[in-house]
Amino acid sequence: MADDSPRKQHVLLVTGVSGAGKSTALQVLGDLGWETIDNFPIRLLGRVVGGGADNPRLAIGVDSRTRGFAPDKIIELFKKFDRLDEVDVTTMFIDCGSGELERRYNETRRPHPMARGRTAMDGIKAERELLEPLRRWADIVIDTTDYSTNHLQQIVRERFADDAEPRMTVTVSSFGFARGMPPLADLMFDMRFLDNPHWIEELREQTGLDEAVGAHITADPAFAPAFNKITDLLLEVMPRYATQGRSYLNIAFGCTGGRHRSVYSAERAAEVLREAGFSPTVIHRNLGSRPADPLERR
């Protein structure tokens, strides 16, 4: 039997002191698939909350610059939203130490929105007093005093990422340096230190996908120790790239012509990554190129 119950709308109120990282948090939420609105007039929020939940995950940013901003009225309004059966409200407050905020404003030379001709610290103190009711009411308080931007992004991502969101897309490619370097490679490995199968007559017309070429490459004493170090590095850094929110990672292996050593290395690396739980796409850019002695001499 079909479930006719209304879909729950998750509403996240994002607020905090100016300069603490609210905009960064909203940007990460947007990357995670939340619909985000910032400094939307308070009196109009009823148009986007509840009522059919066209936006099942909605992050609303408000601060002292928002039209109609009054902490007590905002708390009252969001408590009203939370009483709706189809709405689930969470509040996140982004805080930061006053000294660190003053340093950030002095470093960027931007005026504090509540300074009004006074010092940045005067504006910080005035805003902190204004926002205190929201901070006390918040479900989640994140203090970014000792956080880098990347650290804040990671914290928000860990708290609000949908477990079903797509994983980092990994591409492993091969290419020939003689035919131009790939423009979008994040990690590039030059395999030209290996013995070149092109100069073996019976291997020249074959490629790194052929068993005989693979056997020739693995027989090179330099292959195993270097390849093992490369894959160890990949398995070390790739989870860290994913944690930092990378959507795409392009790994490229190059050799002279792009038909033998790079192709074999890319295929082997993809196997290792699959065994580690990744799902790489493999692309061989120059696999169809004809063998050419002048290129191999470069």
Protein backbone atom coordinates (compact mmCIF):
# COMPACT_ATOMS: atom_id res chain seq x y z
CA MET A 1 0.00 0.00 0.00
CA ALA A 2 1.35 3.43 -0.96
CA ASP A 3 2.52 5.74 1.80
CA ASP A 4 0.38 8.88 1.57
CA SER A 5 1.98 10.61 4.56
CA PRO A 6 3.58 13.99 3.74
CA ARG A 7 7.30 14.04 3.15
CA LYS A 8 9.22 15.49 6.08
CA GLN A 9 10.98 18.78 5.40
CA HIS A 10 14.27 19.23 7.25
CA VAL A 11 14.90 22.90 7.96
CA LEU A 12 18.30 24.00 9.24
CA LEU A 13 18.61 27.52 10.64
CA VAL A 14 22.21 28.66 10.21
CA THR A 15 23.22 31.74 12.16
CA GLY A 16 26.18 33.08 14.09
CA VAL A 17 28.51 36.01 14.56
CA SER A 18 29.79 37.78 11.46
CA GLY A 19 33.14 36.45 10.27
CA ALA A 20 32.80 33.08 12.03
CA GLY A 21 32.03 31.06 8.88
CA LYS A 22 28.27 31.10 8.23
CA SER A 23 28.74 31.63 4.49
CA THR A 24 31.24 28.77 4.35
CA ALA A 25 28.80 26.45 6.14
CA LEU A 26 25.99 27.37 3.73
CA GLN A 27 28.25 26.76 0.74
CA VAL A 28 29.09 23.25 1.99
CA LEU A 29 25.42 22.52 2.64
CA GLY A 30 24.65 23.59 -0.92
CA ASP A 31 27.32 21.21 -2.21
CA LEU A 32 25.68 18.44 -0.16
CA GLY A 33 22.36 18.97 -1.92
CA TRP A 34 20.61 21.26 0.55
CA GLU A 35 18.69 24.18 -0.88
CA THR A 36 20.22 27.26 0.75
CA ILE A 37 18.94 30.80 1.16
CA ASP A 38 20.83 33.53 2.95
CA ASN A 39 19.55 36.78 4.46
CA PHE A 40 16.03 36.10 3.17
CA PRO A 41 13.48 38.56 4.66
CA ILE A 42 12.16 37.03 7.88
CA ARG A 43 8.53 37.88 7.07
CA LEU A 44 8.71 35.79 3.87
CA LEU A 45 10.09 32.58 5.39
CA GLY A 46 6.60 31.09 5.70
CA ARG A 47 6.53 30.82 1.90
CA VAL A 48 9.42 28.34 1.77
CA VAL A 49 8.88 26.33 4.97
CA GLY A 50 6.19 23.63 5.08
CA GLY A 51 3.30 23.62 2.62
CA GLY A 52 4.25 20.64 0.47
CA ALA A 53 8.00 20.54 1.10
CA ASP A 54 9.18 21.11 -2.46
CA ASN A 55 12.62 21.54 -0.88
CA PRO A 56 13.02 18.58 1.53
CA ARG A 57 16.33 19.89 2.91
CA LEU A 58 16.36 23.65 3.38
CA ALA A 59 19.18 25.62 5.05
CA ILE A 60 18.26 29.20 5.98
CA GLY A 61 21.02 31.67 6.84
CA VAL A 62 20.18 34.64 9.04
CA ASP A 63 22.36 37.14 10.88
CA SER A 64 22.38 40.76 12.00
CA ARG A 65 22.24 41.94 8.36
CA THR A 66 18.99 40.07 7.60
CA ARG A 67 15.96 42.29 6.99
CA GLY A 68 13.65 42.11 9.99
CA PHE A 69 16.28 40.47 12.17
CA ALA A 70 15.16 40.15 15.78
CA PRO A 71 16.41 37.06 17.67
CA ASP A 72 13.34 36.61 19.89
CA LYS A 73 10.97 36.81 16.90
CA ILE A 74 13.15 34.41 14.89
CA ILE A 75 13.12 31.87 17.74
CA GLU A 76 9.35 32.20 18.05
CA LEU A 77 8.90 31.74 14.28
CA PHE A 78 11.08 28.64 14.06
CA LYS A 79 9.43 27.09 17.10
CA LYS A 80 6.17 27.56 15.21
CA PHE A 81 7.68 25.83 12.17
CA ASP A 82 8.89 22.97 14.35
CA ARG A 83 5.36 22.34 15.61
CA LEU A 84 4.26 21.52 12.06
CA ASP A 85 3.97 17.76 11.51
CA GLU A 86 5.78 17.95 8.17
CA VAL A 87 8.71 20.08 9.38
CA ASP A 88 11.77 19.18 11.46
CA VAL A 89 13.83 22.18 12.60
CA THR A 90 17.49 22.19 13.67
CA THR A 91 19.48 25.28 14.60
CA MET A 92 23.23 25.69 14.10
CA PHE A 93 25.15 28.63 15.54
CA ILE A 94 28.62 29.43 14.15
CA ASP A 95 30.68 31.14 16.85
CA CYS A 96 34.25 32.39 17.14
CA GLY A 97 36.37 34.04 19.80
CA SER A 98 36.25 37.84 19.75
CA GLY A 99 40.03 38.19 19.47
CA GLU A 100 40.16 35.90 16.45
CA LEU A 101 37.22 37.72 14.83
CA GLU A 102 39.01 41.04 15.32
CA ARG A 103 42.14 39.57 13.72
CA ARG A 104 40.14 38.34 10.73
CA TYR A 105 38.50 41.71 10.19
CA ASN A 106 41.78 43.58 10.52
CA GLU A 107 43.43 41.14 8.12
CA THR A 108 40.75 41.55 5.45
CA ARG A 109 40.20 45.25 6.18
CA ARG A 110 36.46 44.75 5.92
CA PRO A 111 34.25 46.77 8.26
CA HIS A 112 32.20 44.85 10.78
CA PRO A 113 28.49 45.18 9.90
CA MET A 114 27.65 46.49 13.38
CA ALA A 115 30.71 48.70 13.89
CA ARG A 116 29.00 51.78 12.40
CA GLY A 117 32.14 53.86 12.32
CA ARG A 118 33.57 52.38 15.51
CA THR A 119 36.24 49.72 15.92
CA ALA A 120 35.74 46.14 14.80
CA MET A 121 35.80 45.00 18.42
CA ASP A 122 32.95 47.39 19.27
CA GLY A 123 30.90 45.84 16.48
CA ILE A 124 31.80 42.31 17.58
CA LYS A 125 30.70 42.99 21.16
CA ALA A 126 27.43 44.60 20.06
CA GLU A 127 26.58 41.72 17.73
CA ARG A 128 27.49 39.06 20.29
CA GLU A 129 25.11 40.62 22.80
CA LEU A 130 22.36 40.81 20.17
CA LEU A 131 22.79 37.15 19.12
CA GLU A 132 23.11 35.62 22.59
CA PRO A 133 19.45 34.37 22.67
CA LEU A 134 20.03 32.48 19.40
CA ARG A 135 23.26 30.97 20.70
CA ARG A 136 21.54 29.72 23.88
CA TRP A 137 18.69 28.24 21.83
CA ALA A 138 20.83 26.55 19.17
CA ASP A 139 20.94 22.75 18.92
CA ILE A 140 24.48 22.82 17.50
CA VAL A 141 27.20 25.35 18.32
CA ILE A 142 30.42 25.24 16.29
CA ASP A 143 33.30 27.37 17.56
CA THR A 144 35.66 28.16 14.68
CA THR A 145 38.27 30.05 16.72
CA ASP A 146 40.96 27.47 15.98
CA TYR A 147 39.48 26.18 12.70
CA SER A 148 40.76 26.69 9.20
CA THR A 149 38.16 27.03 6.46
CA ASN A 150 38.82 23.42 5.43
CA HIS A 151 38.29 22.22 8.99
CA LEU A 152 34.90 23.96 9.21
CA GLN A 153 33.91 22.49 5.84
CA GLN A 154 34.83 19.03 7.09
CA ILE A 155 32.82 19.43 10.31
CA VAL A 156 29.71 20.58 8.45
CA ARG A 157 30.10 17.81 5.89
CA GLU A 158 30.39 15.13 8.58
CA ARG A 159 27.29 16.38 10.40
CA PHE A 160 24.96 16.96 7.47
CA ALA A 161 26.05 14.77 4.56
CA ASP A 162 23.41 12.37 3.31
CA ASP A 163 24.76 8.81 3.62
CA ALA A 164 23.30 8.14 0.17
CA GLU A 165 25.16 11.00 -1.51
CA PRO A 166 27.42 10.10 -4.45
CA ARG A 167 30.98 9.18 -3.60
CA MET A 168 34.01 10.92 -5.03
CA THR A 169 34.29 10.17 -8.75
CA VAL A 170 37.72 8.71 -9.53
CA THR A 171 39.21 8.58 -13.02
CA VAL A 172 42.44 6.74 -13.82
CA SER A 173 43.88 7.58 -17.22
CA SER A 174 46.92 6.87 -19.37
CA PHE A 175 48.52 9.27 -21.81
CA GLY A 176 51.63 9.88 -23.88
CA PHE A 177 53.88 12.82 -23.00
CA ALA A 178 54.89 13.07 -26.67
CA ARG A 179 51.25 13.75 -27.55
CA GLY A 180 50.68 16.40 -24.89
CA MET A 181 50.02 16.35 -21.17
CA PRO A 182 46.44 16.02 -19.82
CA PRO A 183 45.08 19.37 -18.60
CA LEU A 184 42.97 18.12 -15.68
CA ALA A 185 45.18 15.61 -13.85
CA ASP A 186 45.25 16.01 -10.06
CA LEU A 187 47.91 13.35 -9.53
CA MET A 188 50.34 12.47 -12.32
CA PHE A 189 52.91 9.68 -12.44
CA ASP A 190 55.66 9.48 -15.07
CA MET A 191 56.40 5.85 -15.98
CA ARG A 192 59.14 6.60 -18.52
CA PHE A 193 61.80 5.26 -16.14
CA LEU A 194 60.66 1.74 -17.11
CA ASP A 195 62.08 -0.20 -20.05
CA ASN A 196 60.11 0.76 -23.16
CA PRO A 197 58.29 -2.15 -24.90
CA HIS A 198 58.11 -0.07 -28.09
CA TRP A 199 61.68 -1.05 -28.88
CA ILE A 200 60.86 -4.77 -28.67
CA GLU A 201 59.76 -5.62 -32.21
CA GLU A 202 57.17 -8.25 -31.25
CA LEU A 203 55.65 -5.91 -28.63
CA ARG A 204 55.57 -2.69 -30.67
CA GLU A 205 52.13 -3.24 -32.19
CA GLN A 206 50.69 -4.52 -28.92
CA THR A 207 49.57 -2.36 -25.99
CA GLY A 208 49.57 -2.35 -22.21
CA LEU A 209 46.34 -4.36 -22.34
CA ASP A 210 48.18 -7.32 -23.86
CA GLU A 211 49.62 -10.02 -21.60
CA ALA A 212 53.05 -10.04 -23.24
CA VAL A 213 53.49 -6.30 -22.71
CA GLY A 214 52.42 -6.61 -19.09
CA ALA A 215 54.91 -9.40 -18.55
CA HIS A 216 57.71 -7.31 -20.05
CA ILE A 217 56.90 -4.33 -17.83
CA THR A 218 56.62 -6.35 -14.61
CA ALA A 219 59.95 -8.04 -15.41
CA ASP A 220 61.63 -4.65 -15.11
CA PRO A 221 63.21 -4.63 -11.60
CA ALA A 222 62.17 -0.99 -11.16
CA PHE A 223 58.46 -1.62 -11.67
CA ALA A 224 57.33 -3.39 -8.51
CA PRO A 225 58.96 -1.15 -5.87
CA ALA A 226 57.92 2.05 -7.66
CA PHE A 227 54.38 0.89 -8.42
CA ASN A 228 53.85 -0.30 -4.85
CA LYS A 229 54.92 3.10 -3.53
CA ILE A 230 52.57 4.84 -5.97
CA THR A 231 49.58 2.75 -4.94
CA ASP A 232 50.46 3.12 -1.25
CA LEU A 233 50.43 6.89 -1.76
CA LEU A 234 47.09 6.76 -3.56
CA LEU A 235 45.49 4.70 -0.81
CA GLU A 236 46.86 7.14 1.77
CA VAL A 237 45.70 10.39 0.17
CA MET A 238 42.45 9.44 -1.59
CA PRO A 239 40.34 9.10 1.59
CA ARG A 240 41.71 12.49 2.63
CA TYR A 241 40.64 14.03 -0.68
CA ALA A 242 37.16 12.59 -0.11
CA THR A 243 37.06 14.00 3.42
CA GLN A 244 37.94 17.43 2.05
CA GLY A 245 34.86 17.26 -0.16
CA ARG A 246 36.44 16.56 -3.52
CA SER A 247 33.78 15.52 -6.03
CA TYR A 248 36.27 14.41 -8.69
CA LEU A 249 39.80 13.05 -8.61
CA ASN A 250 41.80 12.49 -11.81
CA ILE A 251 44.86 10.22 -11.62
CA ALA A 252 47.05 10.05 -14.71
CA PHE A 253 49.89 7.71 -15.71
CA GLY A 254 52.15 8.86 -18.53
CA CYS A 255 54.77 7.28 -20.75
CA THR A 256 56.28 8.42 -24.01
CA GLY A 257 53.66 7.33 -26.53
CA GLY A 258 50.80 6.46 -24.20
CA ARG A 259 50.35 2.89 -25.45
CA HIS A 260 52.41 0.54 -23.26
CA ARG A 261 53.80 1.46 -19.82
CA SER A 262 51.17 4.04 -18.90
CA VAL A 263 48.30 1.82 -20.05
CA TYR A 264 49.50 -1.16 -18.05
CA SER A 265 50.18 0.96 -14.96
CA ALA A 266 46.76 2.60 -15.12
CA GLU A 267 45.01 -0.75 -15.41
CA ARG A 268 46.96 -2.21 -12.50
CA ALA A 269 46.34 0.89 -10.35
CA ALA A 270 42.60 0.70 -11.07
CA GLU A 271 42.59 -2.92 -9.88
CA VAL A 272 44.23 -1.91 -6.60
CA LEU A 273 41.72 0.91 -6.08
CA ARG A 274 38.77 -1.39 -6.77
CA GLU A 275 40.08 -3.85 -4.17
CA ALA A 276 40.23 -0.90 -1.72
CA GLY A 277 36.56 -0.06 -2.32
CA PHE A 278 36.82 2.70 -4.93
CA SER A 279 35.08 2.54 -8.31
CA PRO A 280 37.48 4.17 -10.78
CA THR A 281 36.72 4.84 -14.43
CA VAL A 282 39.67 3.99 -16.69
CA ILE A 283 40.44 6.06 -19.79
CA HIS A 284 43.32 5.40 -22.22
CA ARG A 285 43.75 8.61 -24.18
CA ASN A 286 46.33 7.48 -26.73
CA LEU A 287 45.68 3.75 -26.87
CA GLY A 288 44.46 3.98 -30.47
CA SER A 289 47.43 6.00 -31.70
CA ARG A 290 49.77 4.26 -34.09
CA PRO A 291 53.31 3.37 -32.94
CA ALA A 292 55.80 6.02 -34.08
CA ASP A 293 59.56 5.81 -33.62
CA PRO A 294 60.11 9.61 -33.77
CA LEU A 295 57.69 10.11 -30.86
CA GLU A 296 59.34 7.42 -28.76
CA ARG A 297 62.71 9.16 -29.12
CA ARG A 298 61.45 12.32 -27.42
